PDB file of N, CA and C in Angstrom:
ATOM      1  N   MET A   1     -20.997  50.515  77.611  1.00  0.00           N
ATOM      2  CA  MET A   1     -21.778  49.891  76.549  1.00  0.00           C
ATOM      3  C   MET A   1     -20.994  49.968  75.238  1.00  0.00           C
ATOM      4  N   MET A   2     -21.118  48.914  74.450  1.00  0.00           N
ATOM      5  CA  MET A   2     -20.363  48.829  73.210  1.00  0.00           C
ATOM      6  C   MET A   2     -20.970  49.749  72.154  1.00  0.00           C
ATOM      7  N   ASN A   3     -20.141  50.394  71.424  1.00  0.00           N
ATOM      8  CA  ASN A   3     -20.533  51.274  70.341  1.00  0.00           C
ATOM      9  C   ASN A   3     -21.266  50.475  69.257  1.00  0.00           C
ATOM     10  N   ILE A   4     -22.333  51.060  68.677  1.00  0.00           N
ATOM     11  CA  ILE A   4     -23.112  50.367  67.643  1.00  0.00           C
ATOM     12  C   ILE A   4     -22.237  50.031  66.443  1.00  0.00           C
ATOM     13  N   THR A   5     -21.381  50.944  66.054  1.00  0.00           N
ATOM     14  CA  THR A   5     -20.490  50.694  64.923  1.00  0.00           C
ATOM     15  C   THR A   5     -19.586  49.503  65.200  1.00  0.00           C
ATOM     16  N   ARG A   6     -19.087  49.420  66.420  1.00  0.00           N
ATOM     17  CA  ARG A   6     -18.225  48.292  66.782  1.00  0.00           C
ATOM     18  C   ARG A   6     -19.011  46.982  66.752  1.00  0.00           C
ATOM     19  N   LYS A   7     -20.256  47.015  67.225  1.00  0.00           N
ATOM     20  CA  LYS A   7     -21.100  45.813  67.180  1.00  0.00           C
ATOM     21  C   LYS A   7     -21.338  45.384  65.739  1.00  0.00           C
ATOM     22  N   ASN A   8     -21.606  46.369  64.879  1.00  0.00           N
ATOM     23  CA  ASN A   8     -21.833  46.045  63.467  1.00  0.00           C
ATOM     24  C   ASN A   8     -20.581  45.447  62.841  1.00  0.00           C
ATOM     25  N   LYS A   9     -19.423  45.969  63.184  1.00  0.00           N
ATOM     26  CA  LYS A   9     -18.161  45.440  62.667  1.00  0.00           C
ATOM     27  C   LYS A   9     -17.954  44.007  63.146  1.00  0.00           C
ATOM     28  N   MET A  10     -18.220  43.777  64.418  1.00  0.00           N
ATOM     29  CA  MET A  10     -18.062  42.425  64.969  1.00  0.00           C
ATOM     30  C   MET A  10     -19.025  41.455  64.283  1.00  0.00           C
ATOM     31  N   ARG A  11     -20.246  41.899  64.048  1.00  0.00           N
ATOM     32  CA  ARG A  11     -21.241  41.060  63.375  1.00  0.00           C
ATOM     33  C   ARG A  11     -20.791  40.759  61.944  1.00  0.00           C
ATOM     34  N   ALA A  12     -20.316  41.773  61.245  1.00  0.00           N
ATOM     35  CA  ALA A  12     -19.845  41.578  59.872  1.00  0.00           C
ATOM     36  C   ALA A  12     -18.651  40.632  59.833  1.00  0.00           C
ATOM     37  N   ASP A  13     -17.742  40.782  60.786  1.00  0.00           N
ATOM     38  CA  ASP A  13     -16.571  39.900  60.849  1.00  0.00           C
ATOM     39  C   ASP A  13     -16.989  38.453  61.103  1.00  0.00           C
ATOM     40  N   ALA A  14     -17.949  38.267  61.999  1.00  0.00           N
ATOM     41  CA  ALA A  14     -18.429  36.915  62.308  1.00  0.00           C
ATOM     42  C   ALA A  14     -19.122  36.306  61.091  1.00  0.00           C
ATOM     43  N   THR A  15     -19.901  37.110  60.397  1.00  0.00           N
ATOM     44  CA  THR A  15     -20.592  36.632  59.195  1.00  0.00           C
ATOM     45  C   THR A  15     -19.587  36.222  58.131  1.00  0.00           C
ATOM     46  N   LYS A  16     -18.558  37.033  57.937  1.00  0.00           N
ATOM     47  CA  LYS A  16     -17.524  36.720  56.948  1.00  0.00           C
ATOM     48  C   LYS A  16     -16.800  35.433  57.328  1.00  0.00           C
ATOM     49  N   ALA A  17     -16.456  35.283  58.597  1.00  0.00           N
ATOM     50  CA  ALA A  17     -15.759  34.077  59.046  1.00  0.00           C
ATOM     51  C   ALA A  17     -16.628  32.838  58.821  1.00  0.00           C
ATOM     52  N   TYR A  18     -17.921  32.964  59.100  1.00  0.00           N
ATOM     53  CA  TYR A  18     -18.852  31.852  58.916  1.00  0.00           C
ATOM     54  C   TYR A  18     -18.935  31.461  57.439  1.00  0.00           C
ATOM     55  N   ARG A  19     -19.088  32.459  56.564  1.00  0.00           N
ATOM     56  CA  ARG A  19     -19.190  32.177  55.130  1.00  0.00           C
ATOM     57  C   ARG A  19     -17.879  31.628  54.569  1.00  0.00           C
ATOM     58  N   ASP A  20     -16.756  32.126  55.070  1.00  0.00           N
ATOM     59  CA  ASP A  20     -15.454  31.595  54.647  1.00  0.00           C
ATOM     60  C   ASP A  20     -15.327  30.125  55.042  1.00  0.00           C
ATOM     61  N   SER A  21     -15.800  29.798  56.231  1.00  0.00           N
ATOM     62  CA  SER A  21     -15.763  28.421  56.701  1.00  0.00           C
ATOM     63  C   SER A  21     -16.665  27.530  55.838  1.00  0.00           C
ATOM     64  N   LEU A  22     -17.863  28.017  55.525  1.00  0.00           N
ATOM     65  CA  LEU A  22     -18.768  27.266  54.650  1.00  0.00           C
ATOM     66  C   LEU A  22     -18.123  27.016  53.293  1.00  0.00           C
ATOM     67  N   ARG A  23     -17.521  28.068  52.724  1.00  0.00           N
ATOM     68  CA  ARG A  23     -16.893  27.959  51.410  1.00  0.00           C
ATOM     69  C   ARG A  23     -15.743  26.953  51.445  1.00  0.00           C
ATOM     70  N   LYS A  24     -14.906  27.040  52.457  1.00  0.00           N
ATOM     71  CA  LYS A  24     -13.757  26.135  52.563  1.00  0.00           C
ATOM     72  C   LYS A  24     -14.228  24.685  52.693  1.00  0.00           C
ATOM     73  N   ASN A  25     -15.241  24.454  53.512  1.00  0.00           N
ATOM     74  CA  ASN A  25     -15.772  23.112  53.696  1.00  0.00           C
ATOM     75  C   ASN A  25     -16.371  22.581  52.399  1.00  0.00           C
ATOM     76  N   LEU A  26     -17.115  23.422  51.707  1.00  0.00           N
ATOM     77  CA  LEU A  26     -17.734  23.011  50.452  1.00  0.00           C
ATOM     78  C   LEU A  26     -16.677  22.710  49.392  1.00  0.00           C
ATOM     79  N   GLU A  27     -15.638  23.530  49.327  1.00  0.00           N
ATOM     80  CA  GLU A  27     -14.558  23.281  48.371  1.00  0.00           C
ATOM     81  C   GLU A  27     -13.873  21.944  48.652  1.00  0.00           C
ATOM     82  N   HIS A  28     -13.675  21.637  49.915  1.00  0.00           N
ATOM     83  CA  HIS A  28     -13.062  20.351  50.277  1.00  0.00           C
ATOM     84  C   HIS A  28     -13.968  19.196  49.852  1.00  0.00           C
ATOM     85  N   ARG A  29     -15.252  19.327  50.141  1.00  0.00           N
ATOM     86  CA  ARG A  29     -16.197  18.272  49.768  1.00  0.00           C
ATOM     87  C   ARG A  29     -16.230  18.079  48.252  1.00  0.00           C
ATOM     88  N   LEU A  30     -16.162  19.192  47.511  1.00  0.00           N
ATOM     89  CA  LEU A  30     -16.126  19.102  46.045  1.00  0.00           C
ATOM     90  C   LEU A  30     -14.844  18.418  45.569  1.00  0.00           C
ATOM     91  N   ASP A  31     -13.727  18.760  46.171  1.00  0.00           N
ATOM     92  CA  ASP A  31     -12.454  18.128  45.800  1.00  0.00           C
ATOM     93  C   ASP A  31     -12.525  16.613  45.990  1.00  0.00           C
ATOM     94  N   VAL A  32     -13.083  16.193  47.116  1.00  0.00           N
ATOM     95  CA  VAL A  32     -13.199  14.754  47.398  1.00  0.00           C
ATOM     96  C   VAL A  32     -14.137  14.096  46.393  1.00  0.00           C
ATOM     97  N   ALA A  33     -15.276  14.721  46.144  1.00  0.00           N
ATOM     98  CA  ALA A  33     -16.238  14.154  45.185  1.00  0.00           C
ATOM     99  C   ALA A  33     -15.614  14.046  43.799  1.00  0.00           C
ATOM    100  N   ARG A  34     -14.863  15.074  43.404  1.00  0.00           N
ATOM    101  CA  ARG A  34     -14.206  15.043  42.088  1.00  0.00           C
ATOM    102  C   ARG A  34     -13.147  13.947  42.030  1.00  0.00           C
ATOM    103  N   SER A  35     -12.384  13.799  43.105  1.00  0.00           N
ATOM    104  CA  SER A  35     -11.335  12.771  43.110  1.00  0.00           C
ATOM    105  C   SER A  35     -11.933  11.364  43.040  1.00  0.00           C
ATOM    106  N   GLN A  36     -13.169  11.226  43.530  1.00  0.00           N
ATOM    107  CA  GLN A  36     -13.846   9.930  43.487  1.00  0.00           C
ATOM    108  C   GLN A  36     -14.678   9.757  42.219  1.00  0.00           C
ATOM    109  N   GLY A  37     -14.766  10.827  41.420  1.00  0.00           N
ATOM    110  CA  GLY A  37     -15.555  10.765  40.191  1.00  0.00           C
ATOM    111  C   GLY A  37     -17.045  10.656  40.448  1.00  0.00           C
ATOM    112  N   ASN A  38     -17.495  11.160  41.583  1.00  0.00           N
ATOM    113  CA  ASN A  38     -18.906  11.062  41.971  1.00  0.00           C
ATOM    114  C   ASN A  38     -19.688  12.244  41.386  1.00  0.00           C
ATOM    115  N   GLN A  39     -20.163  12.067  40.147  1.00  0.00           N
ATOM    116  CA  GLN A  39     -20.826  13.153  39.428  1.00  0.00           C
ATOM    117  C   GLN A  39     -22.111  13.625  40.108  1.00  0.00           C
ATOM    118  N   LYS A  40     -22.865  12.694  40.668  1.00  0.00           N
ATOM    119  CA  LYS A  40     -24.117  13.076  41.332  1.00  0.00           C
ATOM    120  C   LYS A  40     -23.823  13.980  42.531  1.00  0.00           C
ATOM    121  N   LEU A  41     -22.832  13.622  43.320  1.00  0.00           N
ATOM    122  CA  LEU A  41     -22.474  14.435  44.490  1.00  0.00           C
ATOM    123  C   LEU A  41     -21.903  15.784  44.058  1.00  0.00           C
ATOM    124  N   ILE A  42     -21.101  15.786  42.997  1.00  0.00           N
ATOM    125  CA  ILE A  42     -20.547  17.040  42.483  1.00  0.00           C
ATOM    126  C   ILE A  42     -21.689  17.982  42.110  1.00  0.00           C
ATOM    127  N   GLN A  43     -22.675  17.456  41.408  1.00  0.00           N
ATOM    128  CA  GLN A  43     -23.824  18.277  40.999  1.00  0.00           C
ATOM    129  C   GLN A  43     -24.573  18.807  42.227  1.00  0.00           C
ATOM    130  N   GLN A  44     -24.781  17.972  43.222  1.00  0.00           N
ATOM    131  CA  GLN A  44     -25.478  18.403  44.438  1.00  0.00           C
ATOM    132  C   GLN A  44     -24.697  19.499  45.161  1.00  0.00           C
ATOM    133  N   LEU A  45     -23.383  19.333  45.251  1.00  0.00           N
ATOM    134  CA  LEU A  45     -22.559  20.318  45.940  1.00  0.00           C
ATOM    135  C   LEU A  45     -22.504  21.634  45.170  1.00  0.00           C
ATOM    136  N   GLU A  46     -22.482  21.555  43.847  1.00  0.00           N
ATOM    137  CA  GLU A  46     -22.515  22.777  43.044  1.00  0.00           C
ATOM    138  C   GLU A  46     -23.842  23.502  43.222  1.00  0.00           C
ATOM    139  N   GLN A  47     -24.922  22.753  43.328  1.00  0.00           N
ATOM    140  CA  GLN A  47     -26.233  23.359  43.584  1.00  0.00           C
ATOM    141  C   GLN A  47     -26.261  24.001  44.967  1.00  0.00           C
ATOM    142  N   GLU A  48     -25.662  23.328  45.942  1.00  0.00           N
ATOM    143  CA  GLU A  48     -25.587  23.872  47.289  1.00  0.00           C
ATOM    144  C   GLU A  48     -24.799  25.188  47.291  1.00  0.00           C
ATOM    145  N   ALA A  49     -23.693  25.207  46.582  1.00  0.00           N
ATOM    146  CA  ALA A  49     -22.869  26.408  46.498  1.00  0.00           C
ATOM    147  C   ALA A  49     -23.664  27.557  45.873  1.00  0.00           C
ATOM    148  N   ALA A  50     -24.407  27.262  44.828  1.00  0.00           N
ATOM    149  CA  ALA A  50     -25.210  28.292  44.177  1.00  0.00           C
ATOM    150  C   ALA A  50     -26.307  28.793  45.126  1.00  0.00           C
ATOM    151  N   TYR A  51     -26.958  27.873  45.817  1.00  0.00           N
ATOM    152  CA  TYR A  51     -28.022  28.241  46.751  1.00  0.00           C
ATOM    153  C   TYR A  51     -27.491  29.146  47.864  1.00  0.00           C
ATOM    154  N   LEU A  52     -26.295  28.859  48.339  1.00  0.00           N
ATOM    155  CA  LEU A  52     -25.684  29.649  49.416  1.00  0.00           C
ATOM    156  C   LEU A  52     -24.933  30.863  48.890  1.00  0.00           C
ATOM    157  N   HIS A  53     -24.958  31.057  47.568  1.00  0.00           N
ATOM    158  CA  HIS A  53     -24.250  32.187  46.936  1.00  0.00           C
ATOM    159  C   HIS A  53     -22.770  32.175  47.272  1.00  0.00           C
ATOM    160  N   LEU A  54     -22.166  30.994  47.176  1.00  0.00           N
ATOM    161  CA  LEU A  54     -20.740  30.842  47.471  1.00  0.00           C
ATOM    162  C   LEU A  54     -19.905  30.776  46.210  1.00  0.00           C
ATOM    163  N   VAL A  55     -20.562  30.824  45.060  1.00  0.00           N
ATOM    164  CA  VAL A  55     -19.824  30.779  43.788  1.00  0.00           C
ATOM    165  C   VAL A  55     -20.024  32.059  43.029  1.00  0.00           C
TER     166      VAL A  55
END
C-alpha cells in the first residue's frame, strides 16, 4: 500500500501541474487577445485569471 505522505505528494504535484497548465493556457489566450487588440476578451480573461487565483 502506498504511503499517505507519498499520496499527498503525488496529489500536490498533480495539482501544481494542472494549475501550471491553466496558467500557461490563459497566458497564451491573453497574448492572442492582446495581439488582436480585443479589449473585451482581454478583460474577460483577466477576470478569469483573478477568479482562478492565477495572478
